[in-house]
């Protein structure tokens, strides 16, 4: 997320405001926190036309 955010020239604050999630959430995501809400991750990814989905293990 950090690389994608920087590619678009956004600060963490910009990303939080544009996506509607909290700044703390953006920081936790970029720092690799292991437990994050998928819906909030997808809120961020939506700005870049991406989404996180679950797939069945093979």
PDB file of N, CA and C in Angstrom:
ATOM      1  N   UNK A   1       0.823  -1.184   0.000  1.00  0.00           N
ATOM      2  CA  UNK A   1       0.000   0.000   0.000  1.00  0.00           C
ATOM      3  C   UNK A   1       0.866   1.246   0.000  1.00  0.00           C
ATOM      4  N   UNK A   2       1.931   1.218   0.770  1.00  0.00           N
ATOM      5  CA  UNK A   2       2.795   2.388   0.847  1.00  0.00           C
ATOM      6  C   UNK A   2       3.360   2.758  -0.524  1.00  0.00           C
ATOM      7  N   UNK A   3       3.847   1.761  -1.267  1.00  0.00           N
ATOM      8  CA  UNK A   3       4.415   2.019  -2.590  1.00  0.00           C
ATOM      9  C   UNK A   3       3.347   2.573  -3.534  1.00  0.00           C
ATOM     10  N   UNK A   4       2.155   2.018  -3.478  1.00  0.00           N
ATOM     11  CA  UNK A   4       1.064   2.479  -4.329  1.00  0.00           C
ATOM     12  C   UNK A   4       0.666   3.910  -3.960  1.00  0.00           C
ATOM     13  N   UNK A   5       0.596   4.175  -2.679  1.00  0.00           N
ATOM     14  CA  UNK A   5       0.255   5.525  -2.201  1.00  0.00           C
ATOM     15  C   UNK A   5       1.290   6.532  -2.689  1.00  0.00           C
ATOM     16  N   UNK A   6       2.559   6.173  -2.559  1.00  0.00           N
ATOM     17  CA  UNK A   6       3.620   7.093  -2.990  1.00  0.00           C
ATOM     18  C   UNK A   6       3.636   7.275  -4.503  1.00  0.00           C
ATOM     19  N   UNK A   7       3.327   6.206  -5.232  1.00  0.00           N
ATOM     20  CA  UNK A   7       3.261   6.290  -6.689  1.00  0.00           C
ATOM     21  C   UNK A   7       2.243   7.348  -7.129  1.00  0.00           C
ATOM     22  N   UNK A   8       1.165   7.476  -6.365  1.00  0.00           N
ATOM     23  CA  UNK A   8       0.120   8.448  -6.668  1.00  0.00           C
ATOM     24  C   UNK A   8       0.369   9.803  -5.995  1.00  0.00           C
ATOM     25  N   UNK A   9       1.489   9.924  -5.298  1.00  0.00           N
ATOM     26  CA  UNK A   9       1.850  11.193  -4.673  1.00  0.00           C
ATOM     27  C   UNK A   9       0.979  11.591  -3.499  1.00  0.00           C
ATOM     28  N   UNK A  10       0.492  10.604  -2.756  1.00  0.00           N
ATOM     29  CA  UNK A  10      -0.389  10.872  -1.618  1.00  0.00           C
ATOM     30  C   UNK A  10       0.358  10.697  -0.302  1.00  0.00           C
ATOM     31  N   UNK A  11       0.011  11.506   0.666  1.00  0.00           N
ATOM     32  CA  UNK A  11       0.488  11.294   2.031  1.00  0.00           C
ATOM     33  C   UNK A  11      -0.456  10.306   2.706  1.00  0.00           C
ATOM     34  N   UNK A  12      -0.068   9.823   3.868  1.00  0.00           N
ATOM     35  CA  UNK A  12      -0.962   8.952   4.626  1.00  0.00           C
ATOM     36  C   UNK A  12      -2.257   9.689   4.955  1.00  0.00           C
ATOM     37  N   UNK A  13      -2.143  10.964   5.282  1.00  0.00           N
ATOM     38  CA  UNK A  13      -3.318  11.764   5.612  1.00  0.00           C
ATOM     39  C   UNK A  13      -4.240  11.901   4.400  1.00  0.00           C
ATOM     40  N   UNK A  14      -3.645  12.145   3.217  1.00  0.00           N
ATOM     41  CA  UNK A  14      -4.447  12.239   1.993  1.00  0.00           C
ATOM     42  C   UNK A  14      -5.220  10.947   1.751  1.00  0.00           C
ATOM     43  N   UNK A  15      -4.515   9.826   1.867  1.00  0.00           N
ATOM     44  CA  UNK A  15      -5.124   8.535   1.615  1.00  0.00           C
ATOM     45  C   UNK A  15      -6.276   8.272   2.582  1.00  0.00           C
ATOM     46  N   UNK A  16      -6.049   8.568   3.846  1.00  0.00           N
ATOM     47  CA  UNK A  16      -7.099   8.370   4.850  1.00  0.00           C
ATOM     48  C   UNK A  16      -8.322   9.218   4.524  1.00  0.00           C
ATOM     49  N   UNK A  17      -8.109  10.478   4.195  1.00  0.00           N
ATOM     50  CA  UNK A  17      -9.227  11.375   3.923  1.00  0.00           C
ATOM     51  C   UNK A  17      -9.968  10.972   2.650  1.00  0.00           C
ATOM     52  N   UNK A  18      -9.255  10.666   1.590  1.00  0.00           N
ATOM     53  CA  UNK A  18      -9.893  10.332   0.314  1.00  0.00           C
ATOM     54  C   UNK A  18     -10.649   9.003   0.366  1.00  0.00           C
ATOM     55  N   UNK A  19     -10.181   8.069   1.204  1.00  0.00           N
ATOM     56  CA  UNK A  19     -10.815   6.756   1.262  1.00  0.00           C
ATOM     57  C   UNK A  19     -11.877   6.653   2.352  1.00  0.00           C
ATOM     58  N   UNK A  20     -11.841   7.558   3.320  1.00  0.00           N
ATOM     59  CA  UNK A  20     -12.833   7.531   4.387  1.00  0.00           C
ATOM     60  C   UNK A  20     -12.474   6.617   5.545  1.00  0.00           C
ATOM     61  N   UNK A  21     -11.203   6.243   5.642  1.00  0.00           N
ATOM     62  CA  UNK A  21     -10.756   5.460   6.806  1.00  0.00           C
ATOM     63  C   UNK A  21      -9.890   6.364   7.675  1.00  0.00           C
ATOM     64  N   UNK A  22      -9.622   5.902   8.874  1.00  0.00           N
ATOM     65  CA  UNK A  22      -8.828   6.698   9.789  1.00  0.00           C
ATOM     66  C   UNK A  22      -7.339   6.641   9.483  1.00  0.00           C
ATOM     67  N   UNK A  23      -6.637   7.694   9.866  1.00  0.00           N
ATOM     68  CA  UNK A  23      -5.196   7.762   9.677  1.00  0.00           C
ATOM     69  C   UNK A  23      -4.492   6.617  10.405  1.00  0.00           C
ATOM     70  N   UNK A  24      -4.970   6.280  11.576  1.00  0.00           N
ATOM     71  CA  UNK A  24      -4.388   5.175  12.351  1.00  0.00           C
ATOM     72  C   UNK A  24      -4.485   3.869  11.561  1.00  0.00           C
ATOM     73  N   UNK A  25      -5.601   3.661  10.869  1.00  0.00           N
ATOM     74  CA  UNK A  25      -5.767   2.455  10.068  1.00  0.00           C
ATOM     75  C   UNK A  25      -4.735   2.405   8.947  1.00  0.00           C
ATOM     76  N   UNK A  26      -4.534   3.515   8.257  1.00  0.00           N
ATOM     77  CA  UNK A  26      -3.547   3.583   7.176  1.00  0.00           C
ATOM     78  C   UNK A  26      -2.158   3.257   7.720  1.00  0.00           C
ATOM     79  N   UNK A  27      -1.811   3.831   8.840  1.00  0.00           N
ATOM     80  CA  UNK A  27      -0.498   3.581   9.451  1.00  0.00           C
ATOM     81  C   UNK A  27      -0.340   2.115   9.843  1.00  0.00           C
ATOM     82  N   UNK A  28      -1.367   1.537  10.437  1.00  0.00           N
ATOM     83  CA  UNK A  28      -1.311   0.127  10.825  1.00  0.00           C
ATOM     84  C   UNK A  28      -1.136  -0.776   9.610  1.00  0.00           C
ATOM     85  N   UNK A  29      -1.847  -0.471   8.543  1.00  0.00           N
ATOM     86  CA  UNK A  29      -1.741  -1.257   7.318  1.00  0.00           C
ATOM     87  C   UNK A  29      -0.329  -1.191   6.755  1.00  0.00           C
ATOM     88  N   UNK A  30       0.215  -0.005   6.673  1.00  0.00           N
ATOM     89  CA  UNK A  30       1.552   0.157   6.111  1.00  0.00           C
ATOM     90  C   UNK A  30       2.637  -0.446   6.994  1.00  0.00           C
ATOM     91  N   UNK A  31       2.368  -0.564   8.275  1.00  0.00           N
ATOM     92  CA  UNK A  31       3.340  -1.161   9.190  1.00  0.00           C
ATOM     93  C   UNK A  31       3.186  -2.672   9.294  1.00  0.00           C
ATOM     94  N   UNK A  32       2.219  -3.227   8.566  1.00  0.00           N
ATOM     95  CA  UNK A  32       2.072  -4.671   8.520  1.00  0.00           C
ATOM     96  C   UNK A  32       1.298  -5.298   9.661  1.00  0.00           C
ATOM     97  N   UNK A  33       0.415  -4.538  10.285  1.00  0.00           N
ATOM     98  CA  UNK A  33      -0.411  -5.106  11.357  1.00  0.00           C
ATOM     99  C   UNK A  33      -1.134  -6.340  10.819  1.00  0.00           C
ATOM    100  N   UNK A  34      -1.127  -7.398  11.594  1.00  0.00           N
ATOM    101  CA  UNK A  34      -1.628  -8.686  11.108  1.00  0.00           C
ATOM    102  C   UNK A  34      -3.149  -8.821  11.115  1.00  0.00           C
ATOM    103  N   UNK A  35      -3.846  -7.999  11.848  1.00  0.00           N
ATOM    104  CA  UNK A  35      -5.305  -8.134  11.884  1.00  0.00           C
ATOM    105  C   UNK A  35      -5.960  -6.808  11.502  1.00  0.00           C
ATOM    106  N   UNK A  36      -6.435  -6.771  10.261  1.00  0.00           N
ATOM    107  CA  UNK A  36      -7.108  -5.590   9.741  1.00  0.00           C
ATOM    108  C   UNK A  36      -8.428  -6.003   9.102  1.00  0.00           C
ATOM    109  N   UNK A  37      -9.389  -5.132   9.115  1.00  0.00           N
ATOM    110  CA  UNK A  37     -10.682  -5.429   8.495  1.00  0.00           C
ATOM    111  C   UNK A  37     -10.562  -5.368   6.981  1.00  0.00           C
ATOM    112  N   UNK A  38     -10.985  -6.427   6.320  1.00  0.00           N
ATOM    113  CA  UNK A  38     -10.886  -6.516   4.867  1.00  0.00           C
ATOM    114  C   UNK A  38     -11.723  -5.429   4.191  1.00  0.00           C
ATOM    115  N   UNK A  39     -12.887  -5.116   4.742  1.00  0.00           N
ATOM    116  CA  UNK A  39     -13.710  -4.078   4.117  1.00  0.00           C
ATOM    117  C   UNK A  39     -13.006  -2.726   4.109  1.00  0.00           C
ATOM    118  N   UNK A  40     -12.259  -2.434   5.161  1.00  0.00           N
ATOM    119  CA  UNK A  40     -11.529  -1.168   5.216  1.00  0.00           C
ATOM    120  C   UNK A  40     -10.326  -1.185   4.277  1.00  0.00           C
ATOM    121  N   UNK A  41      -9.668  -2.333   4.172  1.00  0.00           N
ATOM    122  CA  UNK A  41      -8.566  -2.460   3.218  1.00  0.00           C
ATOM    123  C   UNK A  41      -9.099  -2.213   1.812  1.00  0.00           C
ATOM    124  N   UNK A  42     -10.253  -2.784   1.504  1.00  0.00           N
ATOM    125  CA  UNK A  42     -10.846  -2.597   0.186  1.00  0.00           C
ATOM    126  C   UNK A  42     -11.285  -1.150  -0.056  1.00  0.00           C
ATOM    127  N   UNK A  43     -11.656  -0.436   0.990  1.00  0.00           N
ATOM    128  CA  UNK A  43     -11.965   0.988   0.842  1.00  0.00           C
ATOM    129  C   UNK A  43     -10.750   1.727   0.311  1.00  0.00           C
ATOM    130  N   UNK A  44      -9.584   1.397   0.860  1.00  0.00           N
ATOM    131  CA  UNK A  44      -8.345   2.030   0.413  1.00  0.00           C
ATOM    132  C   UNK A  44      -8.001   1.602  -1.005  1.00  0.00           C
ATOM    133  N   UNK A  45      -8.061   0.306  -1.250  1.00  0.00           N
ATOM    134  CA  UNK A  45      -7.696  -0.223  -2.557  1.00  0.00           C
ATOM    135  C   UNK A  45      -8.602   0.285  -3.670  1.00  0.00           C
ATOM    136  N   UNK A  46      -9.847   0.581  -3.336  1.00  0.00           N
ATOM    137  CA  UNK A  46     -10.804   1.058  -4.326  1.00  0.00           C
ATOM    138  C   UNK A  46     -10.325   2.339  -5.011  1.00  0.00           C
ATOM    139  N   UNK A  47      -9.587   3.171  -4.291  1.00  0.00           N
ATOM    140  CA  UNK A  47      -9.057   4.399  -4.880  1.00  0.00           C
ATOM    141  C   UNK A  47      -8.125   4.104  -6.054  1.00  0.00           C
ATOM    142  N   UNK A  48      -7.485   2.941  -6.009  1.00  0.00           N
ATOM    143  CA  UNK A  48      -6.506   2.565  -7.029  1.00  0.00           C
ATOM    144  C   UNK A  48      -7.047   1.498  -7.983  1.00  0.00           C
ATOM    145  N   UNK A  49      -8.358   1.256  -7.900  1.00  0.00           N
ATOM    146  CA  UNK A  49      -9.032   0.266  -8.742  1.00  0.00           C
ATOM    147  C   UNK A  49      -8.546  -1.172  -8.492  1.00  0.00           C
ATOM    148  N   UNK A  50      -8.312  -1.495  -7.226  1.00  0.00           N
ATOM    149  CA  UNK A  50      -7.951  -2.850  -6.805  1.00  0.00           C
ATOM    150  C   UNK A  50      -8.946  -3.312  -5.755  1.00  0.00           C
ATOM    151  N   UNK A  51      -8.982  -4.620  -5.498  1.00  0.00           N
ATOM    152  CA  UNK A  51      -9.756  -5.144  -4.368  1.00  0.00           C
ATOM    153  C   UNK A  51      -9.085  -6.418  -3.876  1.00  0.00           C
ATOM    154  N   UNK A  52      -9.260  -6.675  -2.605  1.00  0.00           N
ATOM    155  CA  UNK A  52      -8.745  -7.869  -1.957  1.00  0.00           C
ATOM    156  C   UNK A  52      -9.888  -8.868  -1.878  1.00  0.00           C
ATOM    157  N   UNK A  53      -9.656 -10.087  -2.360  1.00  0.00           N
ATOM    158  CA  UNK A  53     -10.703 -11.107  -2.311  1.00  0.00           C
ATOM    159  C   UNK A  53     -10.140 -12.394  -1.716  1.00  0.00           C
ATOM    160  N   UNK A  54     -11.038 -13.200  -1.193  1.00  0.00           N
ATOM    161  CA  UNK A  54     -10.673 -14.500  -0.653  1.00  0.00           C
ATOM    162  C   UNK A  54     -10.792 -15.544  -1.747  1.00  0.00           C
ATOM    163  N   UNK A  55      -9.865 -16.464  -1.756  1.00  0.00           N
ATOM    164  CA  UNK A  55      -9.936 -17.580  -2.707  1.00  0.00           C
ATOM    165  C   UNK A  55      -9.784 -18.892  -1.940  1.00  0.00           C
ATOM    166  N   UNK A  56     -10.393 -19.913  -2.458  1.00  0.00           N
ATOM    167  CA  UNK A  56     -10.344 -21.220  -1.829  1.00  0.00           C
ATOM    168  C   UNK A  56      -8.958 -21.839  -2.013  1.00  0.00           C
ATOM    169  N   UNK A  57      -8.443 -22.420  -0.936  1.00  0.00           N
ATOM    170  CA  UNK A  57      -7.159 -23.108  -0.995  1.00  0.00           C
ATOM    171  C   UNK A  57      -7.300 -24.353  -1.862  1.00  0.00           C
ATOM    172  N   UNK A  58      -6.251 -24.695  -2.522  1.00  0.00           N
ATOM    173  CA  UNK A  58      -6.290 -25.902  -3.370  1.00  0.00           C
ATOM    174  C   UNK A  58      -5.562 -27.043  -2.728  1.00  0.00           C
TER     175      UNK A  58
END
